[in-house]
Protein backbone atom coordinates (compact mmCIF):
# COMPACT_ATOMS: atom_id res chain seq x y z
CA TRP A 1 -17.21 4.07 -5.37
CA SER A 2 -16.13 7.34 -7.12
CA GLN A 3 -19.02 9.21 -5.47
CA VAL A 4 -17.87 7.87 -2.06
CA VAL A 5 -14.37 8.93 -2.70
CA SER A 6 -15.57 12.39 -3.91
CA GLU A 7 -17.68 12.87 -0.78
CA ALA A 8 -14.78 11.89 1.44
CA GLU A 9 -12.43 14.42 -0.28
CA LYS A 10 -15.00 17.20 0.30
CA ILE A 11 -15.01 16.34 4.06
CA VAL A 12 -11.26 16.68 4.34
CA GLY A 13 -10.84 19.74 2.25
CA TYR A 14 -9.07 18.72 -0.94
CA PRO A 15 -8.60 15.69 -3.27
CA THR A 16 -5.90 13.19 -2.15
CA SER A 17 -4.63 13.03 -5.72
CA PHE A 18 -3.06 16.54 -5.12
CA MET A 19 -1.37 15.40 -1.84
CA SER A 20 1.95 14.30 -3.41
CA LEU A 21 1.83 16.97 -6.12
CA ARG A 22 4.76 18.83 -4.64
CA CYS A 23 6.91 15.72 -4.99
CA LEU A 24 5.44 14.66 -8.32
CA LEU A 25 6.11 18.04 -9.90
CA SER A 26 9.72 18.19 -8.75
CA ASP A 27 12.50 18.26 -11.44
CA GLU A 28 13.75 14.93 -10.30
CA LEU A 29 10.42 13.16 -10.86
CA SER A 30 9.84 14.96 -14.20
CA ASN A 31 13.22 13.44 -15.25
CA ILE A 32 12.22 9.99 -14.07
CA ALA A 33 8.91 10.32 -16.10
CA MET A 34 10.92 11.20 -19.22
CA GLN A 35 13.14 8.16 -18.65
CA VAL A 36 10.16 5.78 -18.09
CA ARG A 37 8.94 6.72 -21.61
CA LYS A 38 11.82 4.78 -22.92
CA LEU A 39 10.03 1.50 -21.76
CA VAL A 40 7.12 2.08 -24.09
CA GLY A 41 6.75 -0.99 -26.26
CA THR A 42 8.02 -3.36 -23.56
CA LYS A 43 6.02 -5.28 -20.95
CA HIS A 44 7.94 -3.84 -17.95
CA PRO A 45 5.60 -3.54 -14.96
CA LEU A 46 6.92 -0.06 -14.09
CA LEU A 47 4.92 1.28 -17.09
CA ASP A 48 1.67 -0.01 -15.68
CA THR A 49 2.54 1.36 -12.22
CA ALA A 50 3.24 4.82 -13.73
CA ARG A 51 -0.05 4.71 -15.70
CA GLY A 52 -1.82 3.89 -12.44
CA PHE A 53 -0.61 7.13 -10.86
CA VAL A 54 -1.92 9.20 -13.66
CA TYR A 55 -5.30 7.40 -14.03
CA ASP A 56 -6.76 4.58 -12.07
CA SER A 57 -10.44 3.85 -12.71
CA ARG A 58 -10.89 2.03 -9.29
CA ASN A 59 -9.50 5.08 -7.40
CA ASN A 60 -7.75 2.83 -4.90
CA LEU A 61 -4.11 3.92 -5.37
CA GLN A 62 -4.41 6.89 -2.97
CA MET A 63 -6.80 5.60 -0.45
CA ARG A 64 -4.40 5.42 2.46
CA GLY A 65 -3.88 9.21 2.71
CA LEU A 66 -7.55 9.79 2.41
CA VAL A 67 -8.27 7.42 5.34
CA VAL A 68 -5.55 9.07 7.54
CA LEU A 69 -7.24 12.45 6.85
CA LEU A 70 -10.76 11.23 7.46
CA ILE A 71 -9.81 9.56 10.85
CA SER A 72 -7.93 12.84 11.78
CA LYS A 73 -11.08 14.72 11.04
CA ALA A 74 -13.31 12.34 12.92
CA ALA A 75 -11.14 12.40 16.03
CA GLY A 76 -10.64 16.13 15.97
CA PRO A 77 -8.26 17.92 18.42
CA SER A 78 -7.64 16.51 21.83
CA THR A 79 -8.18 18.58 24.93
CA ALA A 80 -4.35 18.95 25.23
CA GLU A 81 -4.21 20.52 21.72
CA LEU A 82 -7.16 22.95 21.95
CA SER A 83 -4.81 26.00 21.95
CA PHE A 84 -3.38 24.98 18.54
CA GLN A 85 -6.74 25.00 16.67
CA HIS A 86 -5.55 27.91 14.56
CA ASP A 87 -3.25 25.42 12.72
CA MET A 88 -6.26 23.49 11.50
CA VAL A 89 -7.83 23.46 8.04
CA SER A 90 -11.20 21.69 7.74
CA GLY A 91 -10.63 20.27 11.20
CA ILE A 92 -7.26 18.66 10.37
CA TYR A 93 -3.78 19.81 11.55
CA SER A 94 -1.17 20.62 8.96
CA SER A 95 1.07 17.92 10.49
CA GLN A 96 -1.72 15.23 9.85
CA ARG A 97 -1.91 16.43 6.26
CA SER A 98 1.91 16.02 6.03
CA LEU A 99 1.50 12.48 7.50
CA ALA A 100 -1.06 11.63 4.88
CA GLU A 101 1.31 12.64 2.13
CA ILE A 102 4.08 10.63 3.79
CA THR A 103 1.85 7.49 3.85
CA GLU A 104 1.07 7.88 0.17
CA LEU A 105 4.78 8.37 -0.72
CA ILE A 106 5.78 5.32 1.16
CA HIS A 107 3.04 3.20 -0.44
CA THR A 108 3.89 4.57 -3.86
CA ALA A 109 7.57 3.79 -3.34
CA PHE A 110 6.78 0.21 -2.50
CA LEU A 111 4.48 -0.09 -5.54
CA VAL A 112 7.35 1.10 -7.76
CA HIS A 113 9.85 -1.20 -6.11
CA ARG A 114 7.54 -4.23 -6.71
CA GLY A 115 7.74 -3.47 -10.44
CA ILE A 116 11.19 -5.21 -10.68
CA VAL A 117 11.28 -8.19 -12.93
CA ASN A 118 13.41 -11.34 -12.62
CA ILE A 119 15.72 -11.00 -15.65
CA GLY A 120 16.23 -14.75 -15.66
CA GLU A 121 12.50 -15.42 -16.28
CA LEU A 122 11.94 -12.97 -19.18
CA LYS A 123 10.64 -14.10 -22.54
CA SER A 124 11.51 -12.51 -25.94
CA CYS A 125 8.08 -11.02 -26.23
CA ASP A 126 8.58 -8.98 -22.96
CA GLY A 127 11.05 -6.58 -24.61
CA PRO A 128 14.75 -6.19 -25.41
CA LEU A 129 17.02 -7.24 -22.43
CA LYS A 130 18.74 -3.81 -22.16
CA ASP A 131 15.33 -2.06 -21.88
CA MET A 132 14.20 -4.47 -19.17
CA GLN A 133 17.41 -3.99 -17.26
CA PHE A 134 17.03 -0.30 -17.59
CA GLY A 135 13.44 -0.59 -16.31
CA ASN A 136 14.66 -2.37 -13.29
CA LYS A 137 17.26 0.37 -12.51
CA MET A 138 14.46 3.03 -12.83
CA ALA A 139 12.25 1.05 -10.49
CA VAL A 140 14.93 0.87 -7.82
CA LEU A 141 16.10 4.40 -8.11
CA SER A 142 12.72 6.07 -8.35
CA GLY A 143 11.33 4.03 -5.53
CA ASP A 144 14.37 4.97 -3.41
CA PHE A 145 13.81 8.61 -4.28
CA LEU A 146 10.17 8.58 -3.13
CA LEU A 147 11.18 6.77 0.03
CA ALA A 148 13.94 9.27 0.76
CA ASN A 149 11.39 12.18 0.25
CA ALA A 150 9.03 10.45 2.72
CA CYS A 151 11.78 10.13 5.26
CA THR A 152 12.85 13.74 4.98
CA SER A 153 9.22 14.93 5.50
CA LEU A 154 8.89 12.48 8.42
CA ALA A 155 11.90 14.05 10.18
CA GLN A 156 10.29 17.50 9.71
CA LEU A 157 7.28 16.49 11.81
CA GLN A 158 9.73 16.51 14.80
CA ASN A 159 7.81 13.82 16.71
CA THR A 160 9.98 10.88 17.73
CA LYS A 161 7.02 8.57 18.36
CA VAL A 162 5.61 9.19 14.94
CA VAL A 163 9.11 8.57 13.40
CA GLU A 164 9.28 5.40 15.23
CA LEU A 165 5.80 4.23 14.18
CA ILE A 166 6.25 4.97 10.55
CA SER A 167 9.80 3.57 10.41
CA SER A 168 8.56 0.32 11.97
CA ALA A 169 5.76 0.19 9.26
CA ILE A 170 8.38 0.52 6.52
CA GLY A 171 10.31 -2.46 8.24
CA ASP A 172 7.03 -4.44 8.35
CA LEU A 173 6.41 -3.82 4.63
CA VAL A 174 9.90 -5.00 3.74
CA GLN A 175 9.49 -8.16 5.88
CA GLY A 176 6.07 -8.89 4.42
CA ILE A 177 7.23 -8.47 0.77
CA TYR A 178 10.23 -10.49 1.35
CA TYR A 179 8.07 -13.35 2.77
CA GLU A 180 5.66 -13.05 -0.20
CA ASN A 181 8.43 -13.19 -2.73
CA SER A 182 10.27 -16.13 -1.00
CA LYS A 183 7.03 -18.14 -1.38
CA SER A 184 6.06 -17.12 -4.81
CA SER A 185 9.47 -18.25 -6.19
CA GLU A 186 8.77 -21.86 -5.13
CA GLU A 187 7.00 -22.78 -8.28
CA ASN A 188 5.15 -26.06 -8.72
CA CYS A 189 5.23 -26.86 -4.99
CA LEU A 190 2.29 -26.68 -2.56
CA THR A 191 2.24 -23.97 0.04
CA ASP A 192 3.01 -24.48 3.76
CA ASP A 193 0.16 -25.48 5.94
CA ILE A 194 -0.80 -22.12 7.30
CA GLY A 195 -3.96 -21.32 9.18
CA ILE A 196 -6.02 -18.12 9.16
CA SER A 197 -4.18 -16.71 12.15
CA ARG A 198 -0.86 -17.02 10.22
CA TRP A 199 -2.57 -15.39 7.15
CA LYS A 200 -3.49 -12.46 9.32
CA GLU A 201 0.07 -12.06 10.52
CA GLN A 202 1.45 -12.05 6.97
CA VAL A 203 -1.26 -9.72 5.63
CA PHE A 204 -0.61 -7.35 8.55
CA LEU A 205 3.07 -7.04 7.61
CA SER A 206 2.64 -6.66 3.80
CA HIS A 207 -0.70 -4.75 3.66
CA SER A 208 -2.03 -3.47 7.01
CA ALA A 209 0.95 -2.14 9.04
CA LEU A 210 1.36 1.06 7.08
CA LEU A 211 -2.28 2.16 7.30
CA ALA A 212 -2.72 0.96 10.91
CA LYS A 213 0.42 2.77 12.11
CA SER A 214 -0.29 5.90 10.05
CA CYS A 215 -3.81 6.13 11.67
CA GLN A 216 -2.21 5.73 15.09
CA ALA A 217 0.44 8.44 14.29
CA ALA A 218 -2.31 10.81 13.19
CA MET A 219 -3.84 10.52 16.75
CA GLU A 220 -0.36 11.06 18.31
CA LEU A 221 0.11 14.24 16.36
CA ALA A 222 -3.13 15.61 17.85
CA LYS A 223 -2.01 14.40 21.28
CA HIS A 224 -4.78 11.91 21.77
CA SER A 225 -4.74 9.30 24.52
CA ALA A 226 -3.26 5.83 24.13
CA GLU A 227 -6.75 4.37 24.01
CA ILE A 228 -7.78 6.45 21.08
CA GLN A 229 -4.49 5.77 19.33
CA ASP A 230 -5.14 2.04 19.74
CA MET A 231 -8.71 2.50 18.30
CA ALA A 232 -7.21 4.29 15.32
CA PHE A 233 -4.63 1.49 14.82
CA GLN A 234 -7.29 -1.31 14.99
CA TYR A 235 -9.41 0.65 12.49
CA GLY A 236 -6.54 1.06 10.04
CA LYS A 237 -5.56 -2.60 10.45
CA HIS A 238 -9.06 -4.04 9.91
CA MET A 239 -9.74 -1.77 6.92
CA SER A 240 -6.70 -2.97 5.21
CA MET A 241 -7.50 -6.56 5.98
CA SER A 242 -11.02 -6.30 4.65
CA HIS A 243 -9.57 -4.77 1.42
CA LYS A 244 -7.19 -7.70 1.10
CA LEU A 245 -10.11 -10.19 1.77
CA HIS A 246 -12.12 -8.54 -0.93
CA SER A 247 -9.23 -8.81 -3.42
CA ASP A 248 -8.50 -12.47 -2.40
CA LEU A 249 -12.15 -13.34 -3.01
CA GLN A 250 -12.36 -11.84 -6.64
CA PRO A 251 -11.12 -14.90 -8.53
CA PHE A 252 -13.76 -17.01 -6.97
CA VAL A 253 -16.78 -14.67 -7.52
CA LYS A 254 -16.16 -13.36 -10.95
CA GLU A 255 -19.30 -13.99 -13.09
CA SER A 256 -17.45 -14.42 -16.42
CA SER A 257 -16.50 -18.04 -17.05
CA THR A 258 -13.73 -16.86 -19.44
CA ASP A 259 -12.05 -14.87 -16.65
CA THR A 260 -9.24 -17.11 -15.48
CA MET A 261 -7.71 -14.96 -12.73
CA ALA A 262 -4.75 -16.59 -11.08
CA PHE A 263 -5.11 -17.06 -7.24
CA SER A 264 -2.68 -17.91 -4.57
CA LEU A 265 -3.09 -21.02 -2.51
CA ASN A 266 -2.12 -18.71 0.32
CA SER A 267 -5.19 -16.48 -0.33
CA ALA A 268 -7.92 -16.38 2.48
CA PRO A 269 -10.60 -18.49 0.69
CA ALA A 270 -8.11 -21.31 0.03
CA ILE A 271 -6.78 -21.21 3.52
CA LEU A 272 -10.35 -21.24 5.08
CA HIS A 273 -11.34 -24.05 2.69
CA GLN A 274 -8.31 -26.07 3.91
CA GLU A 275 -9.23 -25.39 7.60
CA PHE A 276 -12.68 -26.63 6.84
CA LEU A 277 -11.72 -29.74 4.91
CA GLY A 278 -8.55 -30.71 6.61
CA ARG A 279 -5.06 -30.65 5.03
CA GLU A 280 -5.08 -34.13 3.46
CA ALA A 281 -8.52 -33.79 1.76
CA TRP A 282 -7.49 -30.29 0.66
CA LEU A 283 -4.27 -31.54 -0.94
CA LYS A 284 -6.25 -34.30 -2.71
CA GLN A 285 -8.64 -31.70 -4.15
CA ILE A 286 -5.92 -29.42 -5.30
CA ARG A 287 -3.99 -32.28 -7.06
CA GLU A 288 -7.22 -33.40 -8.82
């Protein structure tokens, strides 16, 4: 996997881990990093999120920006944009590189926002209450800061269709995460009877919309036709969905018998199994 990522980064000109460097080296974020150190010794999820930005062995935190750059390179300039080729580096427009950064910033902001804990569910081993409350404040404020940076950069692209696309992707993300959280809070009760088509809708909102619409926006920045924009949208959508399918499958294919990974009853294998068995037989199996 690391080799694949390395090859992809050579194709687009520079590593994606440098894309958000301007933002990450800003005084504001340096201050946030100093504040996050106060959470060391607690189990606040913001710590794991922060560690993941510095080092992630699976190299999947910054894939979205890389995919946007790869699809930009693959499509190249449109006939309408041939006169602006002097603005290209490694076959990619500077505006498309900015878009890749924006995509990463939005994804990072939502990762940070997801690291907010429910104070009412804390155990004494998680850490002192005041530290966990402080961690929540840091997650909200630093996520907002990243999102604000993304929105500022988005406005600087000066393309109303791109602004509309990425803004709607942020709306989709919020809706998808809200739906996920409203379901996960219903402990000890079985999930709704949802089919694979409903699963696709939910996964599109919470996982696929950002990449799909970013790929489409990259084509819009190069003035490609509506047909090519739609192809890019479908590519981003299906790539995200395949990534989600892969992660949904992991608890069922792990070789180690001691590995007790939790899985959702709304994960793809559980839903497909329900469609195959029928709701009643499926409920009987789950209860057993």
